[in-house]
C-alpha atoms as a PDB file:
ATOM      1  CA  UNK A   1     132.734 130.163  93.314  1.00  0.00           C
ATOM      2  CA  UNK A   2     134.948 127.048  93.085  1.00  0.00           C
ATOM      3  CA  UNK A   3     137.720 129.077  91.452  1.00  0.00           C
ATOM      4  CA  UNK A   4     137.432 131.744  94.174  1.00  0.00           C
ATOM      5  CA  UNK A   5     137.619 129.130  96.924  1.00  0.00           C
ATOM      6  CA  UNK A   6     140.673 127.512  95.358  1.00  0.00           C
ATOM      7  CA  UNK A   7     142.350 130.915  95.088  1.00  0.00           C
ATOM      8  CA  UNK A   8     141.587 131.599  98.747  1.00  0.00           C
ATOM      9  CA  UNK A   9     143.074 128.268  99.799  1.00  0.00           C
ATOM     10  CA  UNK A  10     146.199 128.910  97.736  1.00  0.00           C
ATOM     11  CA  UNK A  11     146.639 132.343  99.334  1.00  0.00           C
ATOM     12  CA  UNK A  12     146.298 130.779 102.799  1.00  0.00           C
ATOM     13  CA  UNK A  13     149.005 128.230 101.945  1.00  0.00           C
ATOM     14  CA  UNK A  14     151.326 131.169 101.231  1.00  0.00           C
ATOM     15  CA  UNK A  15     150.524 132.788 104.583  1.00  0.00           C
ATOM     16  CA  UNK A  16     147.581 135.096 103.839  1.00  0.00           C
ATOM     17  CA  UNK A  17     145.069 135.647 106.637  1.00  0.00           C
ATOM     18  CA  UNK A  18     141.386 136.409 106.034  1.00  0.00           C
ATOM     19  CA  UNK A  19     139.295 138.546 108.341  1.00  0.00           C
ATOM     20  CA  UNK A  20     135.602 139.337 107.858  1.00  0.00           C
ATOM     21  CA  UNK A  21     134.052 142.747 108.457  1.00  0.00           C
ATOM     22  CA  UNK A  22     133.140 145.968 106.692  1.00  0.00           C
ATOM     23  CA  UNK A  23     135.540 148.897 106.895  1.00  0.00           C
ATOM     24  CA  UNK A  24     133.829 151.847 108.537  1.00  0.00           C
ATOM     25  CA  UNK A  25     136.743 154.300 108.646  1.00  0.00           C
ATOM     26  CA  UNK A  26     140.343 154.550 107.500  1.00  0.00           C
ATOM     27  CA  UNK A  27     143.207 156.597 108.949  1.00  0.00           C
ATOM     28  CA  UNK A  28     145.944 156.792 106.314  1.00  0.00           C
ATOM     29  CA  UNK A  29     147.698 160.039 107.235  1.00  0.00           C
ATOM     30  CA  UNK A  30     150.194 158.456 109.650  1.00  0.00           C
ATOM     31  CA  UNK A  31     152.039 155.163 110.126  1.00  0.00           C
ATOM     32  CA  UNK A  32     150.877 152.544 110.698  1.00  0.00           C
ATOM     33  CA  UNK A  33     147.693 152.840 108.659  1.00  0.00           C
ATOM     34  CA  UNK A  34     144.544 152.069 110.675  1.00  0.00           C
ATOM     35  CA  UNK A  35     141.286 150.485 109.516  1.00  0.00           C
ATOM     36  CA  UNK A  36     138.252 150.470 111.809  1.00  0.00           C
ATOM     37  CA  UNK A  37     135.996 147.464 111.188  1.00  0.00           C
ATOM     38  CA  UNK A  38     132.284 147.008 111.799  1.00  0.00           C
ATOM     39  CA  UNK A  39     133.238 144.259 114.266  1.00  0.00           C
ATOM     40  CA  UNK A  40     134.820 146.879 116.535  1.00  0.00           C
ATOM     41  CA  UNK A  41     138.321 145.690 115.722  1.00  0.00           C
ATOM     42  CA  UNK A  42     141.150 147.849 114.375  1.00  0.00           C
ATOM     43  CA  UNK A  43     143.667 146.629 111.801  1.00  0.00           C
ATOM     44  CA  UNK A  44     147.068 148.325 111.705  1.00  0.00           C
ATOM     45  CA  UNK A  45     149.207 147.857 108.620  1.00  0.00           C
ATOM     46  CA  UNK A  46     152.152 149.352 106.754  1.00  0.00           C
ATOM     47  CA  UNK A  47     150.581 149.014 103.319  1.00  0.00           C
ATOM     48  CA  UNK A  48     147.020 148.717 102.074  1.00  0.00           C
ATOM     49  CA  UNK A  49     145.491 147.474  98.811  1.00  0.00           C
ATOM     50  CA  UNK A  50     141.942 148.736  98.339  1.00  0.00           C
ATOM     51  CA  UNK A  51     139.990 146.207  96.276  1.00  0.00           C
ATOM     52  CA  UNK A  52     136.451 146.852  97.506  1.00  0.00           C
ATOM     53  CA  UNK A  53     134.879 146.943  94.041  1.00  0.00           C
ATOM     54  CA  UNK A  54     131.833 148.822  92.825  1.00  0.00           C
ATOM     55  CA  UNK A  55     128.179 147.975  93.345  1.00  0.00           C
ATOM     56  CA  UNK A  56     125.697 148.201  90.477  1.00  0.00           C
ATOM     57  CA  UNK A  57     122.912 150.695  91.029  1.00  0.00           C
ATOM     58  CA  UNK A  58     119.445 149.222  91.427  1.00  0.00           C
ATOM     59  CA  UNK A  59     116.204 150.785  90.244  1.00  0.00           C
ATOM     60  CA  UNK A  60     114.123 150.120  93.336  1.00  0.00           C
ATOM     61  CA  UNK A  61     111.416 148.211  91.461  1.00  0.00           C
ATOM     62  CA  UNK A  62     109.183 145.753  93.272  1.00  0.00           C
ATOM     63  CA  UNK A  63     110.535 142.216  93.092  1.00  0.00           C
ATOM     64  CA  UNK A  64     114.138 143.109  92.306  1.00  0.00           C
ATOM     65  CA  UNK A  65     115.622 141.793  95.547  1.00  0.00           C
ATOM     66  CA  UNK A  66     113.951 138.395  95.126  1.00  0.00           C
ATOM     67  CA  UNK A  67     114.780 138.080  91.429  1.00  0.00           C
ATOM     68  CA  UNK A  68     118.337 139.431  91.288  1.00  0.00           C
ATOM     69  CA  UNK A  69     120.292 136.550  89.792  1.00  0.00           C
ATOM     70  CA  UNK A  70     117.106 134.773  88.704  1.00  0.00           C
ATOM     71  CA  UNK A  71     116.496 136.570  85.418  1.00  0.00           C
ATOM     72  CA  UNK A  72     117.352 140.029  86.730  1.00  0.00           C
ATOM     73  CA  UNK A  73     120.999 140.925  86.153  1.00  0.00           C
ATOM     74  CA  UNK A  74     123.436 143.832  86.135  1.00  0.00           C
ATOM     75  CA  UNK A  75     125.846 142.197  83.677  1.00  0.00           C
ATOM     76  CA  UNK A  76     124.880 141.224  80.137  1.00  0.00           C
ATOM     77  CA  UNK A  77     128.293 139.737  79.375  1.00  0.00           C
ATOM     78  CA  UNK A  78     127.874 137.486  82.417  1.00  0.00           C
ATOM     79  CA  UNK A  79     124.268 136.360  81.890  1.00  0.00           C
ATOM     80  CA  UNK A  80     123.278 137.218  78.322  1.00  0.00           C
ATOM     81  CA  UNK A  81     123.799 133.691  76.986  1.00  0.00           C
ATOM     82  CA  UNK A  82     121.140 132.393  79.408  1.00  0.00           C
ATOM     83  CA  UNK A  83     118.499 134.389  77.529  1.00  0.00           C
ATOM     84  CA  UNK A  84     118.633 132.834  74.081  1.00  0.00           C
ATOM     85  CA  UNK A  85     115.227 133.273  72.480  1.00  0.00           C
ATOM     86  CA  UNK A  86     113.890 135.534  75.250  1.00  0.00           C
ATOM     87  CA  UNK A  87     112.439 139.003  75.059  1.00  0.00           C
ATOM     88  CA  UNK A  88     114.458 141.147  77.469  1.00  0.00           C
ATOM     89  CA  UNK A  89     114.496 144.669  78.876  1.00  0.00           C
ATOM     90  CA  UNK A  90     117.535 146.892  79.386  1.00  0.00           C
ATOM     91  CA  UNK A  91     117.041 149.712  81.894  1.00  0.00           C
ATOM     92  CA  UNK A  92     119.142 152.815  81.219  1.00  0.00           C
ATOM     93  CA  UNK A  93     120.098 155.398  78.634  1.00  0.00           C
ATOM     94  CA  UNK A  94     123.871 155.737  78.702  1.00  0.00           C
ATOM     95  CA  UNK A  95     126.732 154.033  76.893  1.00  0.00           C
ATOM     96  CA  UNK A  96     126.550 151.077  79.280  1.00  0.00           C
ATOM     97  CA  UNK A  97     122.900 150.504  78.397  1.00  0.00           C
ATOM     98  CA  UNK A  98     123.663 150.637  74.662  1.00  0.00           C
ATOM     99  CA  UNK A  99     126.545 148.172  75.080  1.00  0.00           C
ATOM    100  CA  UNK A 100     124.335 145.831  77.090  1.00  0.00           C
ATOM    101  CA  UNK A 101     121.548 146.035  74.506  1.00  0.00           C
ATOM    102  CA  UNK A 102     123.891 145.364  71.588  1.00  0.00           C
ATOM    103  CA  UNK A 103     125.432 142.384  73.354  1.00  0.00           C
ATOM    104  CA  UNK A 104     122.053 140.929  74.343  1.00  0.00           C
ATOM    105  CA  UNK A 105     120.801 141.252  70.772  1.00  0.00           C
ATOM    106  CA  UNK A 106     123.185 138.400  69.893  1.00  0.00           C
ATOM    107  CA  UNK A 107     121.099 136.025  72.005  1.00  0.00           C
ATOM    108  CA  UNK A 108     117.625 137.414  72.695  1.00  0.00           C
ATOM    109  CA  UNK A 109     114.707 137.485  70.293  1.00  0.00           C
ATOM    110  CA  UNK A 110     114.138 141.138  71.099  1.00  0.00           C
ATOM    111  CA  UNK A 111     115.703 143.787  73.310  1.00  0.00           C
ATOM    112  CA  UNK A 112     113.786 146.812  74.561  1.00  0.00           C
ATOM    113  CA  UNK A 113     115.710 149.708  76.094  1.00  0.00           C
ATOM    114  CA  UNK A 114     113.610 151.390  78.787  1.00  0.00           C
ATOM    115  CA  UNK A 115     114.550 155.022  79.365  1.00  0.00           C
ATOM    116  CA  UNK A 116     112.807 157.618  81.497  1.00  0.00           C
ATOM    117  CA  UNK A 117     113.381 160.437  79.032  1.00  0.00           C
ATOM    118  CA  UNK A 118     113.171 160.881  75.267  1.00  0.00           C
ATOM    119  CA  UNK A 119     116.873 161.629  74.890  1.00  0.00           C
ATOM    120  CA  UNK A 120     119.741 159.233  75.529  1.00  0.00           C
ATOM    121  CA  UNK A 121     122.789 160.093  77.614  1.00  0.00           C
ATOM    122  CA  UNK A 122     124.843 157.738  75.455  1.00  0.00           C
ATOM    123  CA  UNK A 123     127.425 158.967  72.969  1.00  0.00           C
ATOM    124  CA  UNK A 124     126.117 159.523  69.457  1.00  0.00           C
ATOM    125  CA  UNK A 125     127.990 156.591  67.967  1.00  0.00           C
ATOM    126  CA  UNK A 126     126.711 154.132  70.591  1.00  0.00           C
ATOM    127  CA  UNK A 127     123.171 155.480  70.365  1.00  0.00           C
ATOM    128  CA  UNK A 128     123.178 155.166  66.564  1.00  0.00           C
ATOM    129  CA  UNK A 129     124.404 151.571  66.714  1.00  0.00           C
ATOM    130  CA  UNK A 130     121.575 150.639  69.029  1.00  0.00           C
ATOM    131  CA  UNK A 131     118.903 152.564  67.114  1.00  0.00           C
ATOM    132  CA  UNK A 132     119.933 150.994  63.834  1.00  0.00           C
ATOM    133  CA  UNK A 133     119.869 147.418  65.160  1.00  0.00           C
ATOM    134  CA  UNK A 134     116.848 145.504  63.897  1.00  0.00           C
ATOM    135  CA  UNK A 135     116.291 143.648  67.180  1.00  0.00           C
ATOM    136  CA  UNK A 136     116.539 146.632  69.533  1.00  0.00           C
ATOM    137  CA  UNK A 137     113.530 148.812  70.347  1.00  0.00           C
ATOM    138  CA  UNK A 138     113.152 151.786  72.677  1.00  0.00           C
ATOM    139  CA  UNK A 139     110.483 152.522  75.276  1.00  0.00           C
ATOM    140  CA  UNK A 140     110.822 156.284  75.679  1.00  0.00           C
ATOM    141  CA  UNK A 141     109.617 158.237  78.729  1.00  0.00           C
ATOM    142  CA  UNK A 142     109.186 154.921  80.505  1.00  0.00           C
ATOM    143  CA  UNK A 143     110.373 153.422  83.792  1.00  0.00           C
ATOM    144  CA  UNK A 144     110.268 150.049  85.493  1.00  0.00           C
ATOM    145  CA  UNK A 145     107.815 149.700  88.366  1.00  0.00           C
ATOM    146  CA  UNK A 146     107.932 145.971  89.128  1.00  0.00           C
ATOM    147  CA  UNK A 147     109.388 142.668  87.980  1.00  0.00           C
ATOM    148  CA  UNK A 148     107.211 139.549  87.961  1.00  0.00           C
ATOM    149  CA  UNK A 149     108.363 135.970  88.461  1.00  0.00           C
ATOM    150  CA  UNK A 150     109.901 133.711  91.071  1.00  0.00           C
ATOM    151  CA  UNK A 151     113.251 132.156  91.851  1.00  0.00           C
ATOM    152  CA  UNK A 152     111.916 128.856  90.525  1.00  0.00           C
ATOM    153  CA  UNK A 153     110.482 130.208  87.269  1.00  0.00           C
ATOM    154  CA  UNK A 154     112.768 133.206  86.790  1.00  0.00           C
ATOM    155  CA  UNK A 155     111.550 136.525  85.390  1.00  0.00           C
ATOM    156  CA  UNK A 156     108.211 136.169  83.612  1.00  0.00           C
ATOM    157  CA  UNK A 157     107.182 139.774  83.087  1.00  0.00           C
ATOM    158  CA  UNK A 158     107.481 143.393  84.107  1.00  0.00           C
ATOM    159  CA  UNK A 159     105.287 146.382  84.868  1.00  0.00           C
ATOM    160  CA  UNK A 160     106.201 149.625  83.115  1.00  0.00           C
ATOM    161  CA  UNK A 161     104.927 153.145  83.641  1.00  0.00           C
ATOM    162  CA  UNK A 162     105.114 155.876  80.998  1.00  0.00           C
ATOM    163  CA  UNK A 163     104.244 159.535  80.516  1.00  0.00           C
ATOM    164  CA  UNK A 164     104.794 161.623  77.368  1.00  0.00           C
ATOM    165  CA  UNK A 165     106.778 164.241  79.305  1.00  0.00           C
ATOM    166  CA  UNK A 166     109.154 161.771  80.931  1.00  0.00           C
ATOM    167  CA  UNK A 167     110.084 160.770  84.501  1.00  0.00           C
ATOM    168  CA  UNK A 168     106.840 158.794  84.860  1.00  0.00           C
ATOM    169  CA  UNK A 169     107.517 156.995  88.158  1.00  0.00           C
ATOM    170  CA  UNK A 170     107.648 160.302  90.015  1.00  0.00           C
ATOM    171  CA  UNK A 171     104.376 161.326  88.379  1.00  0.00           C
ATOM    172  CA  UNK A 172     102.915 157.928  89.253  1.00  0.00           C
ATOM    173  CA  UNK A 173     103.803 158.400  92.924  1.00  0.00           C
ATOM    174  CA  UNK A 174     102.252 161.896  92.842  1.00  0.00           C
ATOM    175  CA  UNK A 175      98.974 160.479  91.542  1.00  0.00           C
ATOM    176  CA  UNK A 176      99.231 162.007  88.065  1.00  0.00           C
ATOM    177  CA  UNK A 177      97.653 160.390  85.033  1.00  0.00           C
ATOM    178  CA  UNK A 178     100.176 157.906  83.628  1.00  0.00           C
ATOM    179  CA  UNK A 179     100.066 154.730  81.552  1.00  0.00           C
ATOM    180  CA  UNK A 180     100.868 151.439  83.293  1.00  0.00           C
ATOM    181  CA  UNK A 181     101.582 148.427  81.096  1.00  0.00           C
ATOM    182  CA  UNK A 182     102.319 144.759  81.779  1.00  0.00           C
ATOM    183  CA  UNK A 183     104.848 143.156  79.406  1.00  0.00           C
ATOM    184  CA  UNK A 184     105.968 139.544  79.011  1.00  0.00           C
ATOM    185  CA  UNK A 185     109.756 139.279  79.211  1.00  0.00           C
ATOM    186  CA  UNK A 186     112.225 136.581  80.184  1.00  0.00           C
ATOM    187  CA  UNK A 187     114.961 138.847  81.502  1.00  0.00           C
ATOM    188  CA  UNK A 188     115.684 142.333  82.835  1.00  0.00           C
ATOM    189  CA  UNK A 189     119.115 143.975  82.821  1.00  0.00           C
ATOM    190  CA  UNK A 190     120.020 147.045  84.859  1.00  0.00           C
ATOM    191  CA  UNK A 191     122.513 149.373  83.161  1.00  0.00           C
ATOM    192  CA  UNK A 192     122.307 152.568  85.179  1.00  0.00           C
ATOM    193  CA  UNK A 193     125.878 152.676  86.395  1.00  0.00           C
ATOM    194  CA  UNK A 194     127.899 151.579  89.412  1.00  0.00           C
ATOM    195  CA  UNK A 195     128.830 153.104  92.755  1.00  0.00           C
ATOM    196  CA  UNK A 196     132.364 152.376  93.979  1.00  0.00           C
ATOM    197  CA  UNK A 197     132.571 151.104  97.555  1.00  0.00           C
ATOM    198  CA  UNK A 198     134.738 153.930  98.849  1.00  0.00           C
ATOM    199  CA  UNK A 199     132.672 155.561 101.598  1.00  0.00           C
ATOM    200  CA  UNK A 200     135.390 154.705 104.143  1.00  0.00           C
ATOM    201  CA  UNK A 201     137.927 156.701 102.108  1.00  0.00           C
ATOM    202  CA  UNK A 202     135.979 159.961 102.198  1.00  0.00           C
ATOM    203  CA  UNK A 203     137.944 162.762 103.894  1.00  0.00           C
ATOM    204  CA  UNK A 204     141.243 160.888 103.607  1.00  0.00           C
ATOM    205  CA  UNK A 205     144.329 161.698 101.496  1.00  0.00           C
ATOM    206  CA  UNK A 206     143.241 159.014  99.011  1.00  0.00           C
ATOM    207  CA  UNK A 207     141.953 161.024  96.067  1.00  0.00           C
ATOM    208  CA  UNK A 208     138.522 160.134  94.679  1.00  0.00           C
ATOM    209  CA  UNK A 209     136.915 161.422  91.488  1.00  0.00           C
ATOM    210  CA  UNK A 210     133.489 163.082  91.363  1.00  0.00           C
ATOM    211  CA  UNK A 211     131.757 159.674  91.302  1.00  0.00           C
ATOM    212  CA  UNK A 212     133.802 158.194  94.137  1.00  0.00           C
ATOM    213  CA  UNK A 213     136.276 156.077  92.147  1.00  0.00           C
ATOM    214  CA  UNK A 214     139.830 155.964  93.501  1.00  0.00           C
ATOM    215  CA  UNK A 215     142.303 157.993  91.481  1.00  0.00           C
ATOM    216  CA  UNK A 216     145.795 156.601  91.075  1.00  0.00           C
ATOM    217  CA  UNK A 217     148.841 158.818  90.680  1.00  0.00           C
ATOM    218  CA  UNK A 218     150.742 159.517  87.485  1.00  0.00           C
ATOM    219  CA  UNK A 219     153.712 157.250  86.988  1.00  0.00           C
ATOM    220  CA  UNK A 220     156.829 157.194  84.845  1.00  0.00           C
ATOM    221  CA  UNK A 221     155.583 153.907  83.417  1.00  0.00           C
ATOM    222  CA  UNK A 222     152.283 153.392  81.599  1.00  0.00           C
ATOM    223  CA  UNK A 223     150.282 152.497  84.699  1.00  0.00           C
ATOM    224  CA  UNK A 224     150.338 152.420  88.490  1.00  0.00           C
ATOM    225  CA  UNK A 225     148.056 151.323  91.287  1.00  0.00           C
ATOM    226  CA  UNK A 226     149.557 153.797  93.791  1.00  0.00           C
ATOM    227  CA  UNK A 227     147.233 156.442  95.230  1.00  0.00           C
ATOM    228  CA  UNK A 228     147.969 159.894  96.609  1.00  0.00           C
ATOM    229  CA  UNK A 229     148.327 158.363 100.091  1.00  0.00           C
ATOM    230  CA  UNK A 230     151.715 156.787 100.824  1.00  0.00           C
ATOM    231  CA  UNK A 231     151.464 153.024 101.091  1.00  0.00           C
ATOM    232  CA  UNK A 232     147.889 152.847  99.786  1.00  0.00           C
ATOM    233  CA  UNK A 233     147.190 151.123  96.470  1.00  0.00           C
ATOM    234  CA  UNK A 234     143.982 150.348  94.562  1.00  0.00           C
ATOM    235  CA  UNK A 235     142.924 147.600  92.175  1.00  0.00           C
ATOM    236  CA  UNK A 236     139.832 146.441  90.321  1.00  0.00           C
ATOM    237  CA  UNK A 237     136.444 148.063  89.908  1.00  0.00           C
ATOM    238  CA  UNK A 238     137.044 150.470  92.788  1.00  0.00           C
ATOM    239  CA  UNK A 239     139.359 152.433  90.462  1.00  0.00           C
ATOM    240  CA  UNK A 240     138.311 151.128  87.036  1.00  0.00           C
ATOM    241  CA  UNK A 241     135.210 152.795  85.636  1.00  0.00           C
ATOM    242  CA  UNK A 242     135.816 151.602  82.069  1.00  0.00           C
ATOM    243  CA  UNK A 243     136.227 147.815  81.889  1.00  0.00           C
ATOM    244  CA  UNK A 244     134.905 146.351  85.155  1.00  0.00           C
ATOM    245  CA  UNK A 245     135.600 142.739  84.258  1.00  0.00           C
ATOM    246  CA  UNK A 246     136.901 139.970  86.517  1.00  0.00           C
ATOM    247  CA  UNK A 247     139.925 139.364  84.298  1.00  0.00           C
ATOM    248  CA  UNK A 248     141.011 143.035  84.301  1.00  0.00           C
ATOM    249  CA  UNK A 249     140.450 143.273  88.067  1.00  0.00           C
ATOM    250  CA  UNK A 250     142.624 140.194  88.598  1.00  0.00           C
ATOM    251  CA  UNK A 251     145.380 141.718  86.487  1.00  0.00           C
ATOM    252  CA  UNK A 252     145.261 144.957  88.450  1.00  0.00           C
ATOM    253  CA  UNK A 253     145.323 142.956  91.674  1.00  0.00           C
ATOM    254  CA  UNK A 254     148.632 141.471  90.579  1.00  0.00           C
ATOM    255  CA  UNK A 255     149.920 144.940  89.701  1.00  0.00           C
ATOM    256  CA  UNK A 256     148.867 146.287  93.114  1.00  0.00           C
ATOM    257  CA  UNK A 257     150.598 143.405  94.910  1.00  0.00           C
ATOM    258  CA  UNK A 258     153.841 144.085  93.032  1.00  0.00           C
ATOM    259  CA  UNK A 259     153.568 147.848  93.611  1.00  0.00           C
ATOM    260  CA  UNK A 260     152.913 147.321  97.328  1.00  0.00           C
ATOM    261  CA  UNK A 261     155.807 144.863  97.634  1.00  0.00           C
ATOM    262  CA  UNK A 262     158.205 147.286  95.953  1.00  0.00           C
ATOM    263  CA  UNK A 263     157.014 150.129  98.186  1.00  0.00           C
ATOM    264  CA  UNK A 264     157.468 148.046 101.340  1.00  0.00           C
ATOM    265  CA  UNK A 265     160.978 147.045 100.333  1.00  0.00           C
ATOM    266  CA  UNK A 266     161.991 150.630  99.574  1.00  0.00           C
ATOM    267  CA  UNK A 267     160.332 152.257 102.593  1.00  0.00           C
ATOM    268  CA  UNK A 268     161.775 151.569 106.055  1.00  0.00           C
ATOM    269  CA  UNK A 269     159.277 150.711 108.762  1.00  0.00           C
ATOM    270  CA  UNK A 270     158.796 153.618 111.213  1.00  0.00           C
ATOM    271  CA  UNK A 271     159.024 151.301 114.214  1.00  0.00           C
ATOM    272  CA  UNK A 272     159.536 147.667 115.119  1.00  0.00           C
ATOM    273  CA  UNK A 273     155.857 147.321 115.981  1.00  0.00           C
ATOM    274  CA  UNK A 274     154.806 148.668 112.608  1.00  0.00           C
ATOM    275  CA  UNK A 275     157.289 146.395 110.841  1.00  0.00           C
ATOM    276  CA  UNK A 276     155.574 143.365 112.317  1.00  0.00           C
ATOM    277  CA  UNK A 277     152.193 144.367 110.882  1.00  0.00           C
ATOM    278  CA  UNK A 278     151.686 142.448 107.617  1.00  0.00           C
ATOM    279  CA  UNK A 279     150.202 144.200 104.571  1.00  0.00           C
ATOM    280  CA  UNK A 280     146.500 143.383 104.318  1.00  0.00           C
ATOM    281  CA  UNK A 281     143.970 143.722 101.540  1.00  0.00           C
ATOM    282  CA  UNK A 282     140.786 145.687 102.237  1.00  0.00           C
ATOM    283  CA  UNK A 283     137.901 143.761 100.721  1.00  0.00           C
ATOM    284  CA  UNK A 284     134.267 144.226 101.790  1.00  0.00           C
END
């Protein structure tokens, strides 16, 4: 947080302005671009960098809101080192879950992957690496119902539900016969994917993939942050479904700034009023 604050202060010294509010709608077909904020205000700009990120999906288990950041995490590379000697759970069955489990196995006493089916969605190579690791176990046909603990004590346990035919939480809610088990763990990690924060870009010329991530256009060089909409650029997790790290997002932010600057210099402003509107960064 200190680094973020220092970066903000440096940007302000160079003339950047910060405005709070969620973007509810974007009009990017004409110039100037228009952003409608939750505050009722409208921002008009010649160029736009979308850096709204992606939000990790949550399970919906009891206790997760209270304990997120207190032993419950969505990032093993961020928080794994805090769980040396703990028994931990990883929720998920894809490549992300296998990567999280393998990373956590460097620190934790044991790692249990909790998956609602008996088959993984992960690639074969990632699944084999996890299965063959001595400190990684699998709880098949199992889901997380609740997380126990407090913000003072952290995560102290979890409640799991299982059924031999899979998808046990749905069966639990329907009153079917399932097995509910309390386990002692010191950490829980969600690895069930992310949702990019791009709802405001739906039905605009900015192209999104099937999961809502911003697609950038092909370029003559090896990479670009430009989108299909003129004057709109994207950086960070909102367009990066592979790495999703702070350092890669920062690098792409620099790329987007340079791309936007070059576009502004090469594209004449449609009117004097539009020329006065400074480029602004959309950031929820």
